[in-house]
Each structure stands twice: as C-alpha cells, then as structure tokens.
C-alpha cells in the first residue's frame, strides 16, 4: 500500500532533492505532486514560505523512525541471544537495625512500713478523742515559766589612771598656751570621767563661736587620752562653768522646740550640733511620750530633728482591733 509523505524546501527543486535523499530513491523514480511552490516574500525575509510537495512511495520505502529502528534492533538481538537489557538499579541494602537498648533491671521497692503509720494515725485520733480534762500530757501541757536570769552584776567603772590625768592636763595646757596667755589647767577625776578646767586667759577666744573652739579642744584631748589608756575615759573640757551654762540653755531649747513640734504637727530641726550637745537634747526629751528625737547627717556636727508622734495612732489601732 502506497502512503503519501510531504516534504518542504526553499523551492520545489530543494523539496524534491530532500525527498530523494530521505527516501533513498533516484529522482527519476520519485513520484510527487506540488502542493505549494512557495514565495520569496519581501527581500527574501518577510512573508517567505517554503515549497511543499506530496510524494507517493511504496510501503517498504517508508523511512522508519528512530524509535522503530531501536525496537527492531532489540528484537533481532534478543532472537540471537545478544540481548543487552538496560541494567536495573540494584536495590539499596537495608540499613542495619538499630540496637534495642536493654531494659534496666527494675529494683523492687521495699514496701514501706504502713502499719507504723497506721499506728501513729490511730494514736493521734485516740489522743484527739480524749477530753481536755484528762491528763494526756499534751493538751494540758503549758510551757514552764522561764527561769529568771540573774541580773548581770554591773562592774564599777575603772577609775581614771594618774597617767591619763597627767596626759590630759599636759595636752590642754599646750593647746591653751598656743591660743592665749596666762591660762591654767586643773583636773577633776570622778570614776571614769575626767573634767579639765581652764582658768584665766581670754575665755572668749578659748570658747569660740558657739563653743566650737572648746569642742575641738575636747575632741582632740579625748582621742589622745583614750588612744593610750586601757580603760575608756570620758573627757570633758570646761572654762569657768561654760559647759554647765550651755547644758541648761540646750535643755531649754529642747523643750521649746518640742512644744513647737507638738503645736504645728511638723518636725522641728536644730542645726549644727556636736555629739555632746545632741546627747544633752536626747536625754532632755527622753521621757516625753509625744515626741521623738533623731540625729541626721554625717560628720561631727549634725542636725537633730524632733518629730511629733501621731496623736490618733493608739486610738486608730484600738478602733480597728477586733
């Protein structure tokens, strides 16, 4: 059976030559029909069309496709025992199984002594069921009163040694001589207290503004004596009774500022006070239940603040107490 095939080319001659070459047939034996002669287009570029011819050839001359040729060759090779099948990929070797961890031996827990717990619970219930009047040793037990500790015997303060007295007189005398002339120092020792009295000289210069010079002399003398003394010595430097007068004035000032704090309900402050002066104020207001005192600041001279206590503090607690 003849089958028509179509071939194309630049022109009819090119299409014929291509058909002869493809079918392996001489041009004289080729039978074809021109379908289209083709067009050259504009300048051979735009609108160009190839020539087409239809060729009628016997079936045995029909060219075989590449797939057909490969199929025929495989059949021939198989018939002659020369088959070369495509190698099939080898299946991947299975992965070795993971080692299963051995189960750890479980230690059997020793049974807890339940009977003892039951006995304890039974004992507790038994004790709770007993009335309070019975002597169970637990419900009626009262803490025994603590034995009163014997008061520690307060040791009497050690008296001031003669060496401390001599050192105090020498120290104050040297400082007074550097400030004024004709000043004499006397010492009065009582238990652990040492009072050094200065007599003569210019008292105004020795006392200084608000007693600051006298305070400085007392501070230095206290440090010098207690550095060399084994027992603590309380040193006081005075000039013709100035310290007693000052003490009375500070007490009066403390009472006045305390009344001001009570009246206004605001803290009252006394500035620039030495440790000795602050101690006088603290002791003067110690027994006043309506105020409290507190030193504030750093250094040798500090502020002393008198705080009024709240009047309704106790009433408020009593009011909300259930």
C-alpha atoms as a PDB file:
ATOM      1  CA  UNK A   1       0.000   0.000   0.000  1.00  0.00           C
ATOM      2  CA  UNK A   2       1.340   3.375  -1.047  1.00  0.00           C
ATOM      3  CA  UNK A   3       1.435   6.110   1.608  1.00  0.00           C
ATOM      4  CA  UNK A   4       1.820   9.859   0.767  1.00  0.00           C
ATOM      5  CA  UNK A   5       4.526  11.892   2.509  1.00  0.00           C
ATOM      6  CA  UNK A   6       5.027  15.637   2.454  1.00  0.00           C
ATOM      7  CA  UNK A   7       8.383  17.369   2.118  1.00  0.00           C
ATOM      8  CA  UNK A   8       9.303  21.048   2.223  1.00  0.00           C
ATOM      9  CA  UNK A   9      12.133  23.119   0.845  1.00  0.00           C
ATOM     10  CA  UNK A  10      13.270  26.548  -0.233  1.00  0.00           C
ATOM     11  CA  UNK A  11      11.748  25.838  -3.636  1.00  0.00           C
ATOM     12  CA  UNK A  12      10.314  22.792  -5.439  1.00  0.00           C
ATOM     13  CA  UNK A  13      13.744  21.520  -6.526  1.00  0.00           C
ATOM     14  CA  UNK A  14      15.040  21.688  -2.976  1.00  0.00           C
ATOM     15  CA  UNK A  15      11.953  19.810  -1.707  1.00  0.00           C
ATOM     16  CA  UNK A  16      12.434  17.089  -4.369  1.00  0.00           C
ATOM     17  CA  UNK A  17      16.120  16.654  -3.549  1.00  0.00           C
ATOM     18  CA  UNK A  18      15.282  16.383   0.119  1.00  0.00           C
ATOM     19  CA  UNK A  19      12.659  13.723  -0.528  1.00  0.00           C
ATOM     20  CA  UNK A  20      15.086  11.649  -2.690  1.00  0.00           C
ATOM     21  CA  UNK A  21      17.752  11.888  -0.051  1.00  0.00           C
ATOM     22  CA  UNK A  22      15.356  10.919   2.761  1.00  0.00           C
ATOM     23  CA  UNK A  23      13.712   8.019   0.865  1.00  0.00           C
ATOM     24  CA  UNK A  24      16.923   6.905  -0.824  1.00  0.00           C
ATOM     25  CA  UNK A  25      15.186   6.939  -4.253  1.00  0.00           C
ATOM     26  CA  UNK A  26      16.569   8.325  -7.521  1.00  0.00           C
ATOM     27  CA  UNK A  27      14.891  11.497  -8.694  1.00  0.00           C
ATOM     28  CA  UNK A  28      13.697   9.741 -11.888  1.00  0.00           C
ATOM     29  CA  UNK A  29      11.724   7.175  -9.863  1.00  0.00           C
ATOM     30  CA  UNK A  30      10.250   9.731  -7.428  1.00  0.00           C
ATOM     31  CA  UNK A  31       6.567  10.369  -7.884  1.00  0.00           C
ATOM     32  CA  UNK A  32       5.375  13.607  -6.326  1.00  0.00           C
ATOM     33  CA  UNK A  33       2.727  16.265  -6.509  1.00  0.00           C
ATOM     34  CA  UNK A  34       3.486  20.002  -5.918  1.00  0.00           C
ATOM     35  CA  UNK A  35       1.232  21.390  -3.214  1.00  0.00           C
ATOM     36  CA  UNK A  36       2.802  24.851  -2.993  1.00  0.00           C
ATOM     37  CA  UNK A  37       5.628  26.427  -4.938  1.00  0.00           C
ATOM     38  CA  UNK A  38       6.375  28.793  -2.062  1.00  0.00           C
ATOM     39  CA  UNK A  39       7.021  32.538  -2.033  1.00  0.00           C
ATOM     40  CA  UNK A  40      10.205  34.501  -1.594  1.00  0.00           C
ATOM     41  CA  UNK A  41       8.491  37.341   0.344  1.00  0.00           C
ATOM     42  CA  UNK A  42       9.842  40.865   0.638  1.00  0.00           C
ATOM     43  CA  UNK A  43      13.599  40.878   0.142  1.00  0.00           C
ATOM     44  CA  UNK A  44      13.562  37.182   0.972  1.00  0.00           C
ATOM     45  CA  UNK A  45      12.894  37.894   4.662  1.00  0.00           C
ATOM     46  CA  UNK A  46       9.324  38.991   5.382  1.00  0.00           C
ATOM     47  CA  UNK A  47       6.401  36.746   4.242  1.00  0.00           C
ATOM     48  CA  UNK A  48       8.625  33.954   2.905  1.00  0.00           C
ATOM     49  CA  UNK A  49       7.003  30.448   2.564  1.00  0.00           C
ATOM     50  CA  UNK A  50       8.659  27.118   1.736  1.00  0.00           C
ATOM     51  CA  UNK A  51       7.596  24.947  -1.196  1.00  0.00           C
ATOM     52  CA  UNK A  52       5.668  21.768  -0.353  1.00  0.00           C
ATOM     53  CA  UNK A  53       5.376  18.509  -2.298  1.00  0.00           C
ATOM     54  CA  UNK A  54       3.492  15.268  -1.642  1.00  0.00           C
ATOM     55  CA  UNK A  55       5.405  12.091  -2.529  1.00  0.00           C
ATOM     56  CA  UNK A  56       3.787   8.680  -3.064  1.00  0.00           C
ATOM     57  CA  UNK A  57       6.176   5.793  -2.287  1.00  0.00           C
ATOM     58  CA  UNK A  58       5.798   2.060  -1.678  1.00  0.00           C
ATOM     59  CA  UNK A  59       5.381   0.942   1.931  1.00  0.00           C
ATOM     60  CA  UNK A  60       8.819  -0.717   2.020  1.00  0.00           C
ATOM     61  CA  UNK A  61      10.398   2.681   1.224  1.00  0.00           C
ATOM     62  CA  UNK A  62       8.779   4.498   4.125  1.00  0.00           C
ATOM     63  CA  UNK A  63      11.546   5.735   6.398  1.00  0.00           C
ATOM     64  CA  UNK A  64      11.489   4.316   9.874  1.00  0.00           C
ATOM     65  CA  UNK A  65      11.630   6.489  12.856  1.00  0.00           C
ATOM     66  CA  UNK A  66      14.381   6.233  15.423  1.00  0.00           C
ATOM     67  CA  UNK A  67      12.079   4.554  17.916  1.00  0.00           C
ATOM     68  CA  UNK A  68      11.035   1.945  15.338  1.00  0.00           C
ATOM     69  CA  UNK A  69      14.630   1.207  14.425  1.00  0.00           C
ATOM     70  CA  UNK A  70      15.581   0.744  18.084  1.00  0.00           C
ATOM     71  CA  UNK A  71      12.602  -1.586  18.589  1.00  0.00           C
ATOM     72  CA  UNK A  72      13.583  -3.727  15.571  1.00  0.00           C
ATOM     73  CA  UNK A  73      17.226  -3.941  16.674  1.00  0.00           C
ATOM     74  CA  UNK A  74      16.217  -5.034  20.179  1.00  0.00           C
ATOM     75  CA  UNK A  75      14.032  -7.812  18.723  1.00  0.00           C
ATOM     76  CA  UNK A  76      16.884  -9.057  16.456  1.00  0.00           C
ATOM     77  CA  UNK A  77      19.421  -9.031  19.317  1.00  0.00           C
ATOM     78  CA  UNK A  78      17.033 -10.909  21.543  1.00  0.00           C
ATOM     79  CA  UNK A  79      16.461 -13.539  18.853  1.00  0.00           C
ATOM     80  CA  UNK A  80      20.209 -14.200  18.524  1.00  0.00           C
ATOM     81  CA  UNK A  81      20.823 -14.225  22.307  1.00  0.00           C
ATOM     82  CA  UNK A  82      22.678 -10.923  22.313  1.00  0.00           C
ATOM     83  CA  UNK A  83      20.219  -9.009  24.265  1.00  0.00           C
ATOM     84  CA  UNK A  84      21.686  -6.131  26.220  1.00  0.00           C
ATOM     85  CA  UNK A  85      18.940  -5.101  28.526  1.00  0.00           C
ATOM     86  CA  UNK A  86      19.318  -1.920  30.412  1.00  0.00           C
ATOM     87  CA  UNK A  87      20.751  -2.646  33.823  1.00  0.00           C
ATOM     88  CA  UNK A  88      18.194  -2.327  36.508  1.00  0.00           C
ATOM     89  CA  UNK A  89      19.374  -0.432  39.545  1.00  0.00           C
ATOM     90  CA  UNK A  90      20.222  -2.624  42.468  1.00  0.00           C
ATOM     91  CA  UNK A  91      18.032  -2.163  45.442  1.00  0.00           C
ATOM     92  CA  UNK A  92      19.765  -0.375  48.235  1.00  0.00           C
ATOM     93  CA  UNK A  93      20.968  -2.583  51.011  1.00  0.00           C
ATOM     94  CA  UNK A  94      18.676  -2.329  54.000  1.00  0.00           C
ATOM     95  CA  UNK A  95      20.085  -0.337  56.892  1.00  0.00           C
ATOM     96  CA  UNK A  96      21.237  -2.441  59.804  1.00  0.00           C
ATOM     97  CA  UNK A  97      18.658  -2.497  62.567  1.00  0.00           C
ATOM     98  CA  UNK A  98      19.341  -0.168  65.443  1.00  0.00           C
ATOM     99  CA  UNK A  99      20.379  -1.887  68.638  1.00  0.00           C
ATOM    100  CA  UNK A 100      17.488  -2.059  71.015  1.00  0.00           C
ATOM    101  CA  UNK A 101      18.550  -0.852  74.470  1.00  0.00           C
ATOM    102  CA  UNK A 102      18.324  -3.488  77.050  1.00  0.00           C
ATOM    103  CA  UNK A 103      15.772  -2.756  79.704  1.00  0.00           C
ATOM    104  CA  UNK A 104      17.330  -1.796  83.001  1.00  0.00           C
ATOM    105  CA  UNK A 105      16.525  -4.127  85.813  1.00  0.00           C
ATOM    106  CA  UNK A 106      13.870  -2.537  87.967  1.00  0.00           C
ATOM    107  CA  UNK A 107      14.591  -2.775  91.618  1.00  0.00           C
ATOM    108  CA  UNK A 108      11.636  -3.752  93.598  1.00  0.00           C
ATOM    109  CA  UNK A 109      10.857  -1.114  96.146  1.00  0.00           C
ATOM    110  CA  UNK A 110      10.665  -2.361  99.619  1.00  0.00           C
ATOM    111  CA  UNK A 111       7.201  -1.937 100.984  1.00  0.00           C
ATOM    112  CA  UNK A 112       7.001   0.930 103.378  1.00  0.00           C
ATOM    113  CA  UNK A 113       6.080   0.191 106.891  1.00  0.00           C
ATOM    114  CA  UNK A 114       2.449   1.092 106.649  1.00  0.00           C
ATOM    115  CA  UNK A 115       1.482  -0.457 109.961  1.00  0.00           C
ATOM    116  CA  UNK A 116       3.605   2.057 111.856  1.00  0.00           C
ATOM    117  CA  UNK A 117       1.904   4.964 110.091  1.00  0.00           C
ATOM    118  CA  UNK A 118      -1.467   3.490 110.861  1.00  0.00           C
ATOM    119  CA  UNK A 119      -0.470   3.109 114.460  1.00  0.00           C
ATOM    120  CA  UNK A 120       0.651   6.743 114.591  1.00  0.00           C
ATOM    121  CA  UNK A 121      -2.585   7.949 112.999  1.00  0.00           C
ATOM    122  CA  UNK A 122      -4.593   5.811 115.354  1.00  0.00           C
ATOM    123  CA  UNK A 123      -2.633   7.215 118.244  1.00  0.00           C
ATOM    124  CA  UNK A 124      -3.314  10.791 117.100  1.00  0.00           C
ATOM    125  CA  UNK A 125      -7.031  10.114 116.701  1.00  0.00           C
ATOM    126  CA  UNK A 126      -7.032   8.452 120.073  1.00  0.00           C
ATOM    127  CA  UNK A 127      -5.372  11.453 121.659  1.00  0.00           C
ATOM    128  CA  UNK A 128      -7.763  13.863 119.944  1.00  0.00           C
ATOM    129  CA  UNK A 129     -10.771  11.904 121.170  1.00  0.00           C
ATOM    130  CA  UNK A 130      -9.714  12.273 124.772  1.00  0.00           C
ATOM    131  CA  UNK A 131     -11.251  15.178 126.659  1.00  0.00           C
ATOM    132  CA  UNK A 132      -9.065  18.039 127.654  1.00  0.00           C
ATOM    133  CA  UNK A 133      -9.636  17.353 131.314  1.00  0.00           C
ATOM    134  CA  UNK A 134      -7.741  14.092 131.170  1.00  0.00           C
ATOM    135  CA  UNK A 135      -4.066  14.151 131.862  1.00  0.00           C
ATOM    136  CA  UNK A 136      -2.803  13.309 128.387  1.00  0.00           C
ATOM    137  CA  UNK A 137       0.465  15.088 128.761  1.00  0.00           C
ATOM    138  CA  UNK A 138      -0.114  17.045 125.548  1.00  0.00           C
ATOM    139  CA  UNK A 139      -3.289  19.099 125.647  1.00  0.00           C
ATOM    140  CA  UNK A 140      -2.878  20.435 129.144  1.00  0.00           C
ATOM    141  CA  UNK A 141       0.830  20.952 128.797  1.00  0.00           C
ATOM    142  CA  UNK A 142       1.791  24.526 129.486  1.00  0.00           C
ATOM    143  CA  UNK A 143       5.226  25.942 128.903  1.00  0.00           C
ATOM    144  CA  UNK A 144       7.028  26.148 132.134  1.00  0.00           C
ATOM    145  CA  UNK A 145       7.870  29.669 133.140  1.00  0.00           C
ATOM    146  CA  UNK A 146      11.365  30.564 132.190  1.00  0.00           C
ATOM    147  CA  UNK A 147      13.732  30.878 134.973  1.00  0.00           C
ATOM    148  CA  UNK A 148      14.574  34.478 135.515  1.00  0.00           C
ATOM    149  CA  UNK A 149      18.083  35.188 134.505  1.00  0.00           C
ATOM    150  CA  UNK A 150      20.102  36.699 137.219  1.00  0.00           C
ATOM    151  CA  UNK A 151      20.902  40.301 136.508  1.00  0.00           C
ATOM    152  CA  UNK A 152      24.449  40.754 135.398  1.00  0.00           C
ATOM    153  CA  UNK A 153      26.424  42.455 138.015  1.00  0.00           C
ATOM    154  CA  UNK A 154      27.401  45.805 136.663  1.00  0.00           C
ATOM    155  CA  UNK A 155      31.070  46.194 137.188  1.00  0.00           C
ATOM    156  CA  UNK A 156      32.044  49.532 138.644  1.00  0.00           C
ATOM    157  CA  UNK A 157      33.830  51.746 136.082  1.00  0.00           C
ATOM    158  CA  UNK A 158      37.547  51.738 136.411  1.00  0.00           C
ATOM    159  CA  UNK A 159      38.908  54.959 137.904  1.00  0.00           C
ATOM    160  CA  UNK A 160      40.928  57.270 135.730  1.00  0.00           C
ATOM    161  CA  UNK A 161      44.609  56.498 135.999  1.00  0.00           C
ATOM    162  CA  UNK A 162      47.120  59.089 137.056  1.00  0.00           C
ATOM    163  CA  UNK A 163      48.848  58.744 133.692  1.00  0.00           C
ATOM    164  CA  UNK A 164      45.629  59.701 131.898  1.00  0.00           C
ATOM    165  CA  UNK A 165      45.172  62.701 134.225  1.00  0.00           C
ATOM    166  CA  UNK A 166      48.707  63.943 133.612  1.00  0.00           C
ATOM    167  CA  UNK A 167      48.368  63.444 129.858  1.00  0.00           C
ATOM    168  CA  UNK A 168      45.061  65.377 129.818  1.00  0.00           C
ATOM    169  CA  UNK A 169      46.498  68.353 131.738  1.00  0.00           C
ATOM    170  CA  UNK A 170      49.574  68.445 129.514  1.00  0.00           C
ATOM    171  CA  UNK A 171      47.524  68.282 126.277  1.00  0.00           C
ATOM    172  CA  UNK A 172      45.000  71.003 127.196  1.00  0.00           C
ATOM    173  CA  UNK A 173      47.676  73.255 128.669  1.00  0.00           C
ATOM    174  CA  UNK A 174      49.714  73.103 125.465  1.00  0.00           C
ATOM    175  CA  UNK A 175      46.712  73.981 123.297  1.00  0.00           C
ATOM    176  CA  UNK A 176      45.642  76.826 125.615  1.00  0.00           C
ATOM    177  CA  UNK A 177      49.154  78.306 125.587  1.00  0.00           C
ATOM    178  CA  UNK A 178      49.086  78.405 121.792  1.00  0.00           C
ATOM    179  CA  UNK A 179      45.764  80.333 121.862  1.00  0.00           C
ATOM    180  CA  UNK A 180      46.071  82.729 124.810  1.00  0.00           C
ATOM    181  CA  UNK A 181      48.299  83.702 127.719  1.00  0.00           C
ATOM    182  CA  UNK A 182      48.003  83.179 131.483  1.00  0.00           C
ATOM    183  CA  UNK A 183      45.753  80.078 131.235  1.00  0.00           C
ATOM    184  CA  UNK A 184      45.954  77.359 133.874  1.00  0.00           C
ATOM    185  CA  UNK A 185      44.504  73.850 133.653  1.00  0.00           C
ATOM    186  CA  UNK A 186      43.171  71.819 136.595  1.00  0.00           C
ATOM    187  CA  UNK A 187      41.856  68.241 136.529  1.00  0.00           C
ATOM    188  CA  UNK A 188      38.922  66.677 138.423  1.00  0.00           C
ATOM    189  CA  UNK A 189      38.630  62.856 138.167  1.00  0.00           C
ATOM    190  CA  UNK A 190      35.466  61.026 139.213  1.00  0.00           C
ATOM    191  CA  UNK A 191      35.149  57.303 138.418  1.00  0.00           C
ATOM    192  CA  UNK A 192      35.738  57.075 134.621  1.00  0.00           C
ATOM    193  CA  UNK A 193      35.119  60.793 133.997  1.00  0.00           C
ATOM    194  CA  UNK A 194      37.851  63.369 133.651  1.00  0.00           C
ATOM    195  CA  UNK A 195      36.982  67.082 133.698  1.00  0.00           C
ATOM    196  CA  UNK A 196      39.705  69.539 132.689  1.00  0.00           C
ATOM    197  CA  UNK A 197      39.011  73.094 133.854  1.00  0.00           C
ATOM    198  CA  UNK A 198      40.720  76.064 132.196  1.00  0.00           C
ATOM    199  CA  UNK A 199      41.085  79.176 134.288  1.00  0.00           C
ATOM    200  CA  UNK A 200      42.405  82.565 133.224  1.00  0.00           C
ATOM    201  CA  UNK A 201      43.349  83.709 129.771  1.00  0.00           C
ATOM    202  CA  UNK A 202      40.986  85.080 127.125  1.00  0.00           C
ATOM    203  CA  UNK A 203      37.853  82.972 127.661  1.00  0.00           C
ATOM    204  CA  UNK A 204      36.081  84.311 124.565  1.00  0.00           C
ATOM    205  CA  UNK A 205      38.839  83.118 122.258  1.00  0.00           C
ATOM    206  CA  UNK A 206      39.135  79.775 124.052  1.00  0.00           C
ATOM    207  CA  UNK A 207      35.374  79.134 123.818  1.00  0.00           C
ATOM    208  CA  UNK A 208      34.986  80.313 120.216  1.00  0.00           C
ATOM    209  CA  UNK A 209      31.795  80.845 118.213  1.00  0.00           C
ATOM    210  CA  UNK A 210      29.030  78.681 119.723  1.00  0.00           C
ATOM    211  CA  UNK A 211      31.687  76.819 121.699  1.00  0.00           C
ATOM    212  CA  UNK A 212      33.346  75.354 118.610  1.00  0.00           C
ATOM    213  CA  UNK A 213      36.921  76.027 119.817  1.00  0.00           C
ATOM    214  CA  UNK A 214      36.203  74.411 123.173  1.00  0.00           C
ATOM    215  CA  UNK A 215      34.551  71.431 121.411  1.00  0.00           C
ATOM    216  CA  UNK A 216      37.620  70.985 119.213  1.00  0.00           C
ATOM    217  CA  UNK A 217      39.944  71.006 122.237  1.00  0.00           C
ATOM    218  CA  UNK A 218      37.736  68.424 123.971  1.00  0.00           C
ATOM    219  CA  UNK A 219      37.593  66.211 120.863  1.00  0.00           C
ATOM    220  CA  UNK A 220      41.369  66.157 120.423  1.00  0.00           C
ATOM    221  CA  UNK A 221      42.047  65.571 124.111  1.00  0.00           C
ATOM    222  CA  UNK A 222      39.577  62.664 124.218  1.00  0.00           C
ATOM    223  CA  UNK A 223      41.284  60.998 121.239  1.00  0.00           C
ATOM    224  CA  UNK A 224      44.786  61.440 122.681  1.00  0.00           C
ATOM    225  CA  UNK A 225      43.892  60.072 126.149  1.00  0.00           C
ATOM    226  CA  UNK A 226      41.828  57.073 125.001  1.00  0.00           C
ATOM    227  CA  UNK A 227      44.494  56.079 122.496  1.00  0.00           C
ATOM    228  CA  UNK A 228      46.946  55.381 125.327  1.00  0.00           C
ATOM    229  CA  UNK A 229      44.509  54.432 128.108  1.00  0.00           C
ATOM    230  CA  UNK A 230      43.438  50.802 128.581  1.00  0.00           C
ATOM    231  CA  UNK A 231      40.031  51.722 130.050  1.00  0.00           C
ATOM    232  CA  UNK A 232      37.559  54.063 128.432  1.00  0.00           C
ATOM    233  CA  UNK A 233      37.759  57.620 129.818  1.00  0.00           C
ATOM    234  CA  UNK A 234      35.031  60.219 129.282  1.00  0.00           C
ATOM    235  CA  UNK A 235      36.787  63.554 128.793  1.00  0.00           C
ATOM    236  CA  UNK A 236      35.213  66.957 129.360  1.00  0.00           C
ATOM    237  CA  UNK A 237      36.912  70.341 128.848  1.00  0.00           C
ATOM    238  CA  UNK A 238      35.286  73.360 130.510  1.00  0.00           C
ATOM    239  CA  UNK A 239      36.082  77.025 131.027  1.00  0.00           C
ATOM    240  CA  UNK A 240      34.759  78.744 134.175  1.00  0.00           C
ATOM    241  CA  UNK A 241      31.442  76.820 134.200  1.00  0.00           C
ATOM    242  CA  UNK A 242      30.646  77.429 130.492  1.00  0.00           C
ATOM    243  CA  UNK A 243      29.589  73.831 129.907  1.00  0.00           C
ATOM    244  CA  UNK A 244      27.005  73.889 132.732  1.00  0.00           C
ATOM    245  CA  UNK A 245      25.504  77.107 131.392  1.00  0.00           C
ATOM    246  CA  UNK A 246      25.453  75.666 127.912  1.00  0.00           C
ATOM    247  CA  UNK A 247      23.793  72.481 129.143  1.00  0.00           C
ATOM    248  CA  UNK A 248      20.990  74.467 130.784  1.00  0.00           C
ATOM    249  CA  UNK A 249      20.500  76.532 127.611  1.00  0.00           C
ATOM    250  CA  UNK A 250      20.305  73.374 125.463  1.00  0.00           C
ATOM    251  CA  UNK A 251      17.681  71.826 127.723  1.00  0.00           C
ATOM    252  CA  UNK A 252      15.605  74.988 127.490  1.00  0.00           C
ATOM    253  CA  UNK A 253      15.975  74.976 123.678  1.00  0.00           C
ATOM    254  CA  UNK A 254      14.966  71.312 123.530  1.00  0.00           C
ATOM    255  CA  UNK A 255      11.741  71.939 125.479  1.00  0.00           C
ATOM    256  CA  UNK A 256      10.920  74.943 123.327  1.00  0.00           C
ATOM    257  CA  UNK A 257      11.414  73.073 120.015  1.00  0.00           C
ATOM    258  CA  UNK A 258       9.439  70.089 121.321  1.00  0.00           C
ATOM    259  CA  UNK A 259       6.474  72.298 122.100  1.00  0.00           C
ATOM    260  CA  UNK A 260       6.703  73.808 118.627  1.00  0.00           C
ATOM    261  CA  UNK A 261       6.653  70.343 117.035  1.00  0.00           C
ATOM    262  CA  UNK A 262       3.613  69.332 119.100  1.00  0.00           C
ATOM    263  CA  UNK A 263       1.738  72.504 118.258  1.00  0.00           C
ATOM    264  CA  UNK A 264       2.390  72.543 114.495  1.00  0.00           C
ATOM    265  CA  UNK A 265       2.479  68.777 113.994  1.00  0.00           C
ATOM    266  CA  UNK A 266       5.659  69.182 111.958  1.00  0.00           C
ATOM    267  CA  UNK A 267       9.261  68.224 112.740  1.00  0.00           C
ATOM    268  CA  UNK A 268      11.464  70.855 114.348  1.00  0.00           C
ATOM    269  CA  UNK A 269      15.184  70.959 113.492  1.00  0.00           C
ATOM    270  CA  UNK A 270      18.210  72.185 115.432  1.00  0.00           C
ATOM    271  CA  UNK A 271      21.254  72.619 113.163  1.00  0.00           C
ATOM    272  CA  UNK A 272      24.991  72.210 113.723  1.00  0.00           C
ATOM    273  CA  UNK A 273      25.160  70.286 116.967  1.00  0.00           C
ATOM    274  CA  UNK A 274      28.125  68.365 118.323  1.00  0.00           C
ATOM    275  CA  UNK A 275      27.792  64.849 119.697  1.00  0.00           C
ATOM    276  CA  UNK A 276      27.840  66.136 123.272  1.00  0.00           C
ATOM    277  CA  UNK A 277      25.140  68.742 122.610  1.00  0.00           C
ATOM    278  CA  UNK A 278      22.945  66.217 120.800  1.00  0.00           C
ATOM    279  CA  UNK A 279      23.249  63.869 123.742  1.00  0.00           C
ATOM    280  CA  UNK A 280      22.005  66.608 126.067  1.00  0.00           C
ATOM    281  CA  UNK A 281      18.902  67.143 123.896  1.00  0.00           C
ATOM    282  CA  UNK A 282      18.225  63.411 123.557  1.00  0.00           C
ATOM    283  CA  UNK A 283      18.311  62.966 127.328  1.00  0.00           C
ATOM    284  CA  UNK A 284      16.179  66.081 127.928  1.00  0.00           C
ATOM    285  CA  UNK A 285      13.320  64.758 125.721  1.00  0.00           C
ATOM    286  CA  UNK A 286      13.700  61.059 126.503  1.00  0.00           C
ATOM    287  CA  UNK A 287      10.702  60.955 128.832  1.00  0.00           C
ATOM    288  CA  UNK A 288       8.379  62.993 126.582  1.00  0.00           C
ATOM    289  CA  UNK A 289       5.960  60.450 125.026  1.00  0.00           C
ATOM    290  CA  UNK A 290       4.641  62.926 122.430  1.00  0.00           C
ATOM    291  CA  UNK A 291       7.913  63.465 120.562  1.00  0.00           C
ATOM    292  CA  UNK A 292      10.946  61.525 119.438  1.00  0.00           C
ATOM    293  CA  UNK A 293      14.425  62.766 118.517  1.00  0.00           C
ATOM    294  CA  UNK A 294      16.770  61.655 115.749  1.00  0.00           C
ATOM    295  CA  UNK A 295      20.202  62.793 114.611  1.00  0.00           C
ATOM    296  CA  UNK A 296      20.584  63.240 110.861  1.00  0.00           C
ATOM    297  CA  UNK A 297      23.554  63.912 108.624  1.00  0.00           C
ATOM    298  CA  UNK A 298      27.233  62.957 108.597  1.00  0.00           C
ATOM    299  CA  UNK A 299      30.329  64.267 110.284  1.00  0.00           C
ATOM    300  CA  UNK A 300      30.993  65.596 113.738  1.00  0.00           C
ATOM    301  CA  UNK A 301      28.340  68.333 113.561  1.00  0.00           C
ATOM    302  CA  UNK A 302      24.896  67.023 112.688  1.00  0.00           C
ATOM    303  CA  UNK A 303      21.270  68.108 112.700  1.00  0.00           C
ATOM    304  CA  UNK A 304      18.908  66.990 115.437  1.00  0.00           C
ATOM    305  CA  UNK A 305      15.272  66.610 114.389  1.00  0.00           C
ATOM    306  CA  UNK A 306      12.362  66.488 116.846  1.00  0.00           C
ATOM    307  CA  UNK A 307       9.404  64.569 115.401  1.00  0.00           C
ATOM    308  CA  UNK A 308       5.896  64.828 116.881  1.00  0.00           C
ATOM    309  CA  UNK A 309       4.210  61.487 117.430  1.00  0.00           C
ATOM    310  CA  UNK A 310       0.750  60.924 115.918  1.00  0.00           C
ATOM    311  CA  UNK A 311      -1.984  61.659 118.409  1.00  0.00           C
ATOM    312  CA  UNK A 312      -4.540  59.186 116.975  1.00  0.00           C
ATOM    313  CA  UNK A 313      -2.123  56.317 116.428  1.00  0.00           C
ATOM    314  CA  UNK A 314      -3.270  54.400 119.515  1.00  0.00           C
ATOM    315  CA  UNK A 315      -6.925  55.275 119.011  1.00  0.00           C
ATOM    316  CA  UNK A 316      -6.832  54.041 115.434  1.00  0.00           C
ATOM    317  CA  UNK A 317      -5.350  50.724 116.436  1.00  0.00           C
ATOM    318  CA  UNK A 318      -7.935  50.313 119.139  1.00  0.00           C
ATOM    319  CA  UNK A 319     -10.779  51.268 116.792  1.00  0.00           C
ATOM    320  CA  UNK A 320      -9.939  48.673 114.123  1.00  0.00           C
ATOM    321  CA  UNK A 321      -8.914  45.981 116.536  1.00  0.00           C
ATOM    322  CA  UNK A 322     -11.318  43.022 116.519  1.00  0.00           C
END
